[in-house]
Amino acid sequence: MPQTFAEKILAKKAGLSRTVPGQIVEITPDVALSHDNTAPIYGIFQRMGGERVFDPDMHAIFIDHAAPAPTTKHAENHRIIRQFVAEQGIEHFFDVGRGICHQVLVEEGLALPGEVVLGSDSHTPHAGVMGAFGAGIGRSEMASIWAVGSLWLRVPESMKITVNGEFLPGVTAKDLALKVIGDLGADGALYMSVEWHGGAIEALDLSQRATLPNMMAEMGAKNSYIPPDAKVTAFLAGRAKRTFELVYPDPGAHYAQSYTYDAQSIEPMIACPHKVDNVKPLSDVAGTHVDQAFLGTCTNGRLGDLAAAASVLKGREIAAGTRMVVIPASSKVYLEALQAGHIETFLEAGAAIESPGCGPCMGNHMGVPAVGEVSISTANRNFRGRMGTKESEVYLASPAVVAASAVAGEIVHPKDL
């Protein structure tokens, strides 16, 4: 019987010929990802009686959520992580400044096609850009993987999204993701495997593609997958840490839900406060005052995102009364943006450039808004208090729209500057 990607890869990892949705399988992940929450996971691991992790090479550990440490409490958390990594002999450790876990995992060749990445972070589906099965899990589940090396998973039902045609100029994968989430709802793919297909998806570069599986966490997806092609294998050449096997869904596989979009029908979209599925066309909210513009995060902090924003900001200045914060997703992105001249463009426009990491995305530091302020962000979430202040509003948009809004001091399409 033909199988979807999720059914096929979980069967492979469980040593079975096939699986069906709802089936429980026990697997050993190829990668166990954790970040600043490694310290509390370590505490759970110890309470379980754990002393040594099952396989040090399985782990990829990052300090990114509050980096550099904004408080003594965060600094102590980081100290515990560094001590744990040293004691356990974990090689794949990325300290303050290297960048956001999901971005760096891909850059380092640790998220590979046909593999399973389980991470104690909800945006682990990001690994699907490489053709991997990436899924977020809880801290106690991660501690169990540390202890015994395996975890049971329920095989998810699958959703197929096909996008045909070509996107109009100025329309991005972020707009597509917001459109889909707006149409289907924040629970529209609850515990499902979301597959992306069609010519419009194939035409996207890897930077744009990554936005799609990343954002599917906001629709409740267990994982999200884009079929790996020559762009993926070229990117991984000389970078992949292990040999890998490409896994594709079978023709004729059964999908619980299927949707088809015409790329030309997609327009710039905005997620309005305080829900990610409160999505409206940009034209409906144009003119909304903006106090802060934030460019970055695992969703849209890559070089292509920074380049799109820099093209808007070139020769312009941030509006009086508005500020802009730029945080590259990784040190590699930062360096490439510096070499390309984008950092100079941001600085000349009046933006603040901060160290690679998550920063204000979850309200830790480097961009927390004041009471009553409005932020427009390239992030993935905008629920009340997400950026650290409950009495503020967060709009989500593409990098170019965020940059244009910083220049105008209000939400605006770049072409209308």
Protein backbone atom coordinates (compact mmCIF):
# COMPACT_ATOMS: atom_id res chain seq x y z
CA MET A 1 0.00 0.00 0.00
CA PRO A 2 1.44 3.43 -0.94
CA GLN A 3 2.63 5.47 2.05
CA THR A 4 3.02 9.14 2.87
CA PHE A 5 6.37 10.54 3.96
CA ALA A 6 5.61 10.25 7.69
CA GLU A 7 4.26 6.71 7.39
CA LYS A 8 7.27 5.66 5.34
CA ILE A 9 10.04 7.21 7.44
CA LEU A 10 8.61 6.06 10.77
CA ALA A 11 8.28 2.54 9.37
CA LYS A 12 11.91 2.68 8.31
CA LYS A 13 13.08 3.90 11.72
CA ALA A 14 10.94 1.34 13.57
CA GLY A 15 12.19 -1.54 11.42
CA LEU A 16 8.75 -2.20 9.96
CA SER A 17 7.60 -2.74 6.37
CA ARG A 18 4.84 -0.16 6.75
CA THR A 19 2.86 1.88 9.27
CA VAL A 20 -0.63 3.38 9.40
CA PRO A 21 -1.86 6.60 11.03
CA GLY A 22 -2.54 6.13 14.72
CA GLN A 23 -0.04 3.30 15.07
CA ILE A 24 2.43 3.54 17.96
CA VAL A 25 6.07 2.97 17.02
CA GLU A 26 9.27 3.12 19.02
CA ILE A 27 12.23 4.74 17.30
CA THR A 28 15.73 6.01 17.96
CA PRO A 29 16.12 9.53 16.59
CA ASP A 30 19.15 10.50 14.57
CA VAL A 31 19.34 13.85 16.37
CA ALA A 32 18.14 14.91 19.81
CA LEU A 33 18.05 18.72 19.85
CA SER A 34 17.87 20.92 22.95
CA HIS A 35 18.78 24.52 23.72
CA ASP A 36 18.73 26.68 26.86
CA ASN A 37 16.23 24.19 28.28
CA THR A 38 19.04 21.60 28.43
CA ALA A 39 19.65 22.55 32.08
CA PRO A 40 16.10 21.76 33.30
CA ILE A 41 16.08 18.61 31.14
CA TYR A 42 19.29 17.58 32.91
CA GLY A 43 17.48 17.95 36.22
CA ILE A 44 14.71 15.61 35.02
CA PHE A 45 17.32 13.19 33.68
CA GLN A 46 19.01 13.07 37.09
CA ARG A 47 15.70 12.50 38.90
CA MET A 48 15.15 9.55 36.55
CA GLY A 49 18.42 8.15 37.83
CA GLY A 50 20.36 9.04 34.69
CA GLU A 51 24.11 9.48 34.85
CA ARG A 52 25.41 9.12 31.29
CA VAL A 53 23.50 9.93 28.13
CA PHE A 54 22.72 6.98 25.87
CA ASP A 55 24.68 8.32 22.88
CA PRO A 56 26.62 11.62 23.05
CA ASP A 57 26.86 11.79 19.25
CA MET A 58 23.06 11.90 18.98
CA HIS A 59 22.90 15.25 20.77
CA ALA A 60 22.94 18.75 19.32
CA ILE A 61 22.85 21.38 22.05
CA PHE A 62 22.58 25.13 21.57
CA ILE A 63 22.56 28.24 23.74
CA ASP A 64 20.36 30.61 21.78
CA HIS A 65 17.16 31.62 23.56
CA ALA A 66 18.72 34.06 26.01
CA ALA A 67 22.11 34.68 24.47
CA PRO A 68 24.17 36.48 25.59
CA ALA A 69 22.76 35.94 29.09
CA PRO A 70 20.55 38.92 30.07
CA THR A 71 20.43 37.99 33.78
CA THR A 72 22.45 36.13 36.39
CA LYS A 73 19.80 33.40 36.37
CA HIS A 74 20.29 32.87 32.63
CA ALA A 75 24.07 32.91 33.05
CA GLU A 76 23.85 30.18 35.69
CA ASN A 77 21.65 28.15 33.37
CA HIS A 78 24.31 28.47 30.66
CA ARG A 79 27.04 27.44 33.10
CA ILE A 80 25.16 24.23 33.94
CA ILE A 81 24.78 23.43 30.24
CA ARG A 82 28.47 23.94 29.51
CA GLN A 83 29.39 21.72 32.45
CA PHE A 84 26.94 19.03 31.32
CA VAL A 85 28.26 19.08 27.75
CA ALA A 86 31.86 18.74 28.95
CA GLU A 87 31.07 15.92 31.38
CA GLN A 88 29.07 13.95 28.80
CA GLY A 89 31.53 14.41 25.93
CA ILE A 90 28.92 15.98 23.64
CA GLU A 91 30.66 17.20 20.49
CA HIS A 92 27.81 19.03 18.78
CA PHE A 93 27.58 21.97 21.18
CA PHE A 94 27.04 25.52 19.94
CA ASP A 95 27.61 28.28 22.48
CA VAL A 96 26.43 31.88 22.69
CA GLY A 97 26.73 33.73 19.38
CA ARG A 98 26.59 30.76 17.00
CA GLY A 99 22.89 31.27 16.42
CA ILE A 100 19.41 29.80 16.56
CA CYS A 101 19.23 26.03 16.94
CA HIS A 102 17.07 25.24 13.90
CA GLN A 103 19.12 27.41 11.55
CA VAL A 104 22.47 26.16 12.85
CA LEU A 105 21.38 22.51 12.78
CA VAL A 106 20.81 22.88 9.03
CA GLU A 107 24.00 24.88 8.45
CA GLU A 108 26.09 22.28 10.28
CA GLY A 109 24.79 19.41 8.15
CA LEU A 110 23.07 17.75 11.11
CA ALA A 111 19.51 17.87 9.76
CA LEU A 112 19.57 15.34 6.94
CA PRO A 113 17.10 13.84 4.46
CA GLY A 114 15.48 10.60 5.59
CA GLU A 115 16.42 11.14 9.23
CA VAL A 116 14.42 11.88 12.38
CA VAL A 117 15.14 15.01 14.41
CA LEU A 118 13.38 15.23 17.76
CA GLY A 119 13.82 18.49 19.61
CA SER A 120 12.64 20.04 22.87
CA ASP A 121 11.44 23.05 20.90
CA SER A 122 8.14 23.42 19.09
CA HIS A 123 9.73 24.65 15.85
CA THR A 124 11.74 21.48 15.26
CA PRO A 125 9.56 20.76 12.17
CA HIS A 126 11.97 23.30 10.57
CA ALA A 127 14.22 20.30 9.75
CA GLY A 128 11.67 19.30 7.13
CA VAL A 129 13.31 21.79 4.75
CA MET A 130 16.04 19.17 4.35
CA GLY A 131 13.60 16.31 3.89
CA ALA A 132 13.88 15.16 7.50
CA PHE A 133 11.11 14.24 9.94
CA GLY A 134 11.45 16.98 12.56
CA ALA A 135 9.15 17.05 15.57
CA GLY A 136 8.98 18.90 18.84
CA ILE A 137 8.74 16.92 22.10
CA GLY A 138 8.52 17.72 25.80
CA ARG A 139 11.35 17.99 28.30
CA SER A 140 10.55 14.71 30.07
CA GLU A 141 10.43 12.96 26.70
CA MET A 142 13.85 14.36 25.86
CA ALA A 143 15.21 13.23 29.21
CA SER A 144 13.95 9.74 28.38
CA ILE A 145 15.80 9.79 25.07
CA TRP A 146 18.94 10.81 26.94
CA ALA A 147 18.46 7.83 29.26
CA VAL A 148 17.44 4.99 26.92
CA GLY A 149 18.00 6.35 23.39
CA SER A 150 14.47 5.83 22.10
CA LEU A 151 10.93 7.20 22.26
CA TRP A 152 7.49 6.08 21.13
CA LEU A 153 5.58 8.19 18.63
CA ARG A 154 2.09 7.98 17.18
CA VAL A 155 2.17 7.89 13.38
CA PRO A 156 0.43 11.09 12.27
CA GLU A 157 -2.19 11.50 9.60
CA SER A 158 -0.88 13.43 6.59
CA MET A 159 -1.94 16.63 4.86
CA LYS A 160 -0.83 17.47 1.32
CA ILE A 161 -0.55 21.11 0.24
CA THR A 162 0.17 21.66 -3.45
CA VAL A 163 1.11 25.11 -4.70
CA ASN A 164 1.13 25.59 -8.47
CA GLY A 165 2.26 28.48 -10.65
CA GLU A 166 4.57 31.37 -9.79
CA PHE A 167 4.47 33.88 -6.95
CA LEU A 168 3.97 37.51 -7.88
CA PRO A 169 6.87 39.93 -7.21
CA GLY A 170 7.04 40.83 -3.54
CA VAL A 171 5.16 37.71 -2.39
CA THR A 172 7.12 35.27 -0.24
CA ALA A 173 6.89 31.91 1.46
CA LYS A 174 5.96 33.79 4.65
CA ASP A 175 2.87 35.16 2.91
CA LEU A 176 1.96 31.65 1.74
CA ALA A 177 2.39 30.22 5.25
CA LEU A 178 0.24 32.96 6.78
CA LYS A 179 -2.41 32.49 4.07
CA VAL A 180 -2.62 28.76 4.75
CA ILE A 181 -2.74 29.23 8.54
CA GLY A 182 -5.40 31.89 8.13
CA ASP A 183 -7.47 29.57 5.93
CA LEU A 184 -7.14 26.40 8.00
CA GLY A 185 -6.77 27.81 11.53
CA ALA A 186 -4.20 27.51 14.30
CA ASP A 187 -5.30 23.90 14.91
CA GLY A 188 -5.85 23.06 11.26
CA ALA A 189 -3.07 20.48 11.15
CA LEU A 190 -3.14 19.26 14.75
CA TYR A 191 -0.72 16.33 15.10
CA MET A 192 -0.49 15.95 11.35
CA SER A 193 2.38 15.59 8.91
CA VAL A 194 2.18 18.47 6.42
CA GLU A 195 3.77 17.84 3.03
CA TRP A 196 4.48 20.67 0.55
CA HIS A 197 4.36 19.92 -3.18
CA GLY A 198 4.07 21.71 -6.52
CA GLY A 199 6.08 23.82 -8.90
CA ALA A 200 5.89 26.97 -6.80
CA ILE A 201 7.52 25.16 -3.87
CA GLU A 202 10.21 23.63 -6.07
CA ALA A 203 11.08 27.09 -7.42
CA LEU A 204 11.76 28.52 -3.95
CA ASP A 205 15.33 28.71 -2.68
CA LEU A 206 16.16 26.87 0.55
CA SER A 207 15.99 30.05 2.62
CA GLN A 208 12.39 30.63 1.56
CA ARG A 209 11.44 26.98 1.81
CA ALA A 210 12.57 26.81 5.45
CA THR A 211 9.84 29.27 6.44
CA LEU A 212 7.12 26.75 5.52
CA PRO A 213 7.89 23.77 7.80
CA ASN A 214 8.91 26.24 10.52
CA MET A 215 5.53 27.99 10.44
CA MET A 216 3.56 24.75 10.39
CA ALA A 217 4.20 24.47 14.13
CA GLU A 218 1.71 27.36 14.33
CA MET A 219 -0.94 25.19 12.68
CA GLY A 220 -0.41 22.38 15.19
CA ALA A 221 1.56 20.10 12.86
CA LYS A 222 3.67 17.30 14.29
CA ASN A 223 6.09 17.65 11.41
CA SER A 224 6.29 19.24 7.98
CA TYR A 225 8.23 18.09 4.94
CA ILE A 226 9.41 19.38 1.58
CA PRO A 227 10.67 16.69 -0.84
CA PRO A 228 14.45 17.03 -1.09
CA ASP A 229 15.78 17.88 -4.56
CA ALA A 230 19.05 18.92 -6.22
CA LYS A 231 19.07 22.17 -4.23
CA VAL A 232 19.14 20.18 -1.00
CA THR A 233 21.79 17.69 -2.10
CA ALA A 234 23.99 20.50 -3.45
CA PHE A 235 23.68 22.34 -0.14
CA LEU A 236 24.66 19.21 1.80
CA ALA A 237 27.63 18.32 -0.41
CA GLY A 238 30.70 18.50 1.82
CA ARG A 239 28.50 19.61 4.72
CA ALA A 240 26.50 16.55 5.78
CA LYS A 241 27.89 14.94 8.92
CA ARG A 242 26.60 11.50 7.92
CA THR A 243 25.58 9.58 4.83
CA PHE A 244 21.86 9.81 4.24
CA GLU A 245 19.06 8.27 2.20
CA LEU A 246 16.39 10.36 0.50
CA VAL A 247 12.85 9.39 1.51
CA TYR A 248 9.83 10.36 -0.60
CA PRO A 249 6.11 9.68 -0.26
CA ASP A 250 4.79 7.01 -2.61
CA PRO A 251 2.61 7.98 -5.59
CA GLY A 252 -1.00 7.28 -4.72
CA ALA A 253 -0.49 7.62 -0.96
CA HIS A 254 -3.62 8.47 1.02
CA TYR A 255 -3.84 11.92 2.61
CA ALA A 256 -6.39 12.78 5.28
CA GLN A 257 -6.63 16.27 3.78
CA SER A 258 -5.41 17.82 0.53
CA TYR A 259 -5.37 21.46 -0.54
CA THR A 260 -4.28 23.19 -3.73
CA TYR A 261 -3.24 26.82 -4.06
CA ASP A 262 -2.48 29.00 -7.06
CA ALA A 263 0.71 30.91 -6.25
CA GLN A 264 -0.46 33.91 -8.24
CA SER A 265 -3.49 34.29 -5.99
CA ILE A 266 -1.31 34.83 -2.90
CA GLU A 267 -0.77 38.44 -1.80
CA PRO A 268 1.25 39.95 1.06
CA MET A 269 -0.42 38.83 4.28
CA ILE A 270 -0.30 40.03 7.88
CA ALA A 271 -1.09 38.06 11.06
CA CYS A 272 -2.82 40.50 13.40
CA PRO A 273 -2.97 40.49 17.20
CA HIS A 274 -3.30 38.30 19.11
CA LYS A 275 -3.56 35.09 17.07
CA VAL A 276 -1.39 33.71 14.29
CA ASP A 277 -4.51 32.70 12.35
CA ASN A 278 -5.97 36.22 12.56
CA VAL A 279 -4.61 36.79 9.07
CA LYS A 280 -5.59 39.64 6.77
CA PRO A 281 -4.30 41.00 3.47
CA LEU A 282 -1.76 43.76 4.03
CA SER A 283 -4.12 46.21 2.33
CA ASP A 284 -6.65 45.71 5.14
CA VAL A 285 -4.25 46.86 7.88
CA ALA A 286 -2.07 49.34 5.98
CA GLY A 287 -1.59 52.54 7.93
CA THR A 288 -1.42 50.87 11.36
CA HIS A 289 1.16 52.72 13.49
CA VAL A 290 4.37 50.80 14.32
CA ASP A 291 6.66 51.51 17.27
CA GLN A 292 9.11 48.67 16.64
CA ALA A 293 10.12 46.54 13.66
CA PHE A 294 11.90 43.25 14.34
CA LEU A 295 13.80 41.33 11.64
CA GLY A 296 15.13 37.91 12.59
CA THR A 297 14.17 34.56 14.22
CA CYS A 298 14.37 30.99 12.94
CA THR A 299 11.48 31.80 10.63
CA ASN A 300 12.97 34.72 8.71
CA GLY A 301 16.49 35.56 9.89
CA ARG A 302 18.46 34.02 7.01
CA LEU A 303 20.61 35.81 4.45
CA GLY A 304 17.83 36.01 1.87
CA ASP A 305 15.55 37.60 4.46
CA LEU A 306 18.16 40.17 5.43
CA ALA A 307 18.87 40.88 1.77
CA ALA A 308 15.17 41.51 1.07
CA ALA A 309 14.95 43.93 3.98
CA ALA A 310 18.20 45.66 3.04
CA SER A 311 16.95 46.25 -0.50
CA VAL A 312 14.01 48.17 0.97
CA LEU A 313 16.14 50.11 3.47
CA LYS A 314 18.91 51.07 1.04
CA GLY A 315 19.16 54.86 0.96
CA ARG A 316 16.33 55.27 3.46
CA GLU A 317 16.04 55.90 7.21
CA ILE A 318 13.90 54.43 9.96
CA ALA A 319 10.96 56.75 10.70
CA ALA A 320 11.19 59.09 13.67
CA GLY A 321 9.40 57.51 16.61
CA THR A 322 9.97 54.00 15.25
CA ARG A 323 12.92 51.71 15.93
CA MET A 324 14.18 48.60 14.20
CA VAL A 325 16.02 45.59 15.65
CA VAL A 326 17.89 43.19 13.35
CA ILE A 327 19.13 39.81 14.62
CA PRO A 328 20.74 37.43 12.09
CA ALA A 329 19.73 33.81 12.66
CA SER A 330 23.34 32.64 12.92
CA SER A 331 26.94 33.83 12.98
CA LYS A 332 27.31 32.51 9.42
CA VAL A 333 24.35 34.59 8.26
CA TYR A 334 25.75 37.60 10.14
CA LEU A 335 29.13 37.27 8.43
CA GLU A 336 27.60 36.83 4.97
CA ALA A 337 25.32 39.83 5.54
CA LEU A 338 28.33 41.86 6.62
CA GLN A 339 30.30 40.86 3.53
CA ALA A 340 27.33 41.65 1.29
CA GLY A 341 26.99 45.14 2.76
CA HIS A 342 23.58 44.52 4.34
CA ILE A 343 24.76 45.30 7.88
CA GLU A 344 26.08 48.65 6.71
CA THR A 345 22.71 49.35 5.10
CA PHE A 346 20.89 48.53 8.35
CA LEU A 347 23.19 50.73 10.40
CA GLU A 348 22.95 53.66 8.00
CA ALA A 349 19.16 53.38 8.14
CA GLY A 350 19.27 53.59 11.93
CA ALA A 351 18.61 49.96 12.89
CA ALA A 352 20.15 48.19 15.90
CA ILE A 353 22.05 44.98 15.07
CA GLU A 354 22.18 42.35 17.80
CA SER A 355 23.98 39.05 18.44
CA PRO A 356 22.60 35.92 16.68
CA GLY A 357 19.94 34.23 18.76
CA CYS A 358 16.25 34.30 19.61
CA GLY A 359 16.26 37.49 21.71
CA PRO A 360 12.91 39.30 21.64
CA CYS A 361 11.03 36.53 19.81
CA MET A 362 9.91 35.09 23.15
CA GLY A 363 10.41 38.27 25.14
CA ASN A 364 13.77 37.55 26.76
CA HIS A 365 15.74 40.66 25.78
CA MET A 366 17.08 42.87 22.96
CA GLY A 367 13.70 44.25 21.89
CA VAL A 368 10.99 43.90 24.53
CA PRO A 369 8.23 46.44 23.74
CA ALA A 370 6.80 48.94 26.21
CA VAL A 371 3.19 48.87 27.41
CA GLY A 372 0.84 49.88 24.61
CA GLU A 373 3.44 49.63 21.84
CA VAL A 374 2.95 47.95 18.48
CA SER A 375 5.60 45.68 16.93
CA ILE A 376 5.76 44.23 13.45
CA SER A 377 7.93 41.14 13.31
CA THR A 378 9.18 38.39 11.00
CA ALA A 379 8.69 35.86 13.82
CA ASN A 380 6.23 32.97 13.97
CA ARG A 381 4.06 33.87 16.98
CA ASN A 382 2.08 36.89 18.06
CA PHE A 383 -0.02 35.78 21.01
CA ARG A 384 -0.46 38.22 23.87
CA GLY A 385 2.80 38.67 25.76
CA ARG A 386 4.90 36.71 23.25
CA MET A 387 7.52 39.46 23.00
CA GLY A 388 7.57 40.01 26.76
CA THR A 389 4.79 42.54 27.31
CA LYS A 390 1.15 41.45 27.58
CA GLU A 391 -0.11 44.99 27.06
CA SER A 392 1.38 45.30 23.58
CA GLU A 393 0.50 44.14 20.07
CA VAL A 394 2.49 42.05 17.60
CA TYR A 395 1.86 41.83 13.85
CA LEU A 396 3.64 39.21 11.72
CA ALA A 397 4.85 39.88 8.18
CA SER A 398 7.55 39.15 5.61
CA PRO A 399 11.03 40.76 5.89
CA ALA A 400 10.43 43.32 3.13
CA VAL A 401 7.14 44.44 4.68
CA VAL A 402 8.73 44.72 8.12
CA ALA A 403 11.53 46.88 6.67
CA ALA A 404 9.10 49.07 4.73
CA SER A 405 6.97 49.54 7.84
CA ALA A 406 10.05 50.63 9.80
CA VAL A 407 10.71 53.32 7.18
CA ALA A 408 7.10 54.51 7.05
CA GLY A 409 6.39 54.21 10.77
CA GLU A 410 3.24 52.32 9.85
CA ILE A 411 2.35 49.07 8.14
CA VAL A 412 2.92 49.52 4.44
CA HIS A 413 3.74 47.59 1.27
CA PRO A 414 7.30 48.26 0.04
CA LYS A 415 5.99 49.43 -3.33
CA ASP A 416 4.05 52.20 -1.58
CA LEU A 417 7.07 53.84 0.05
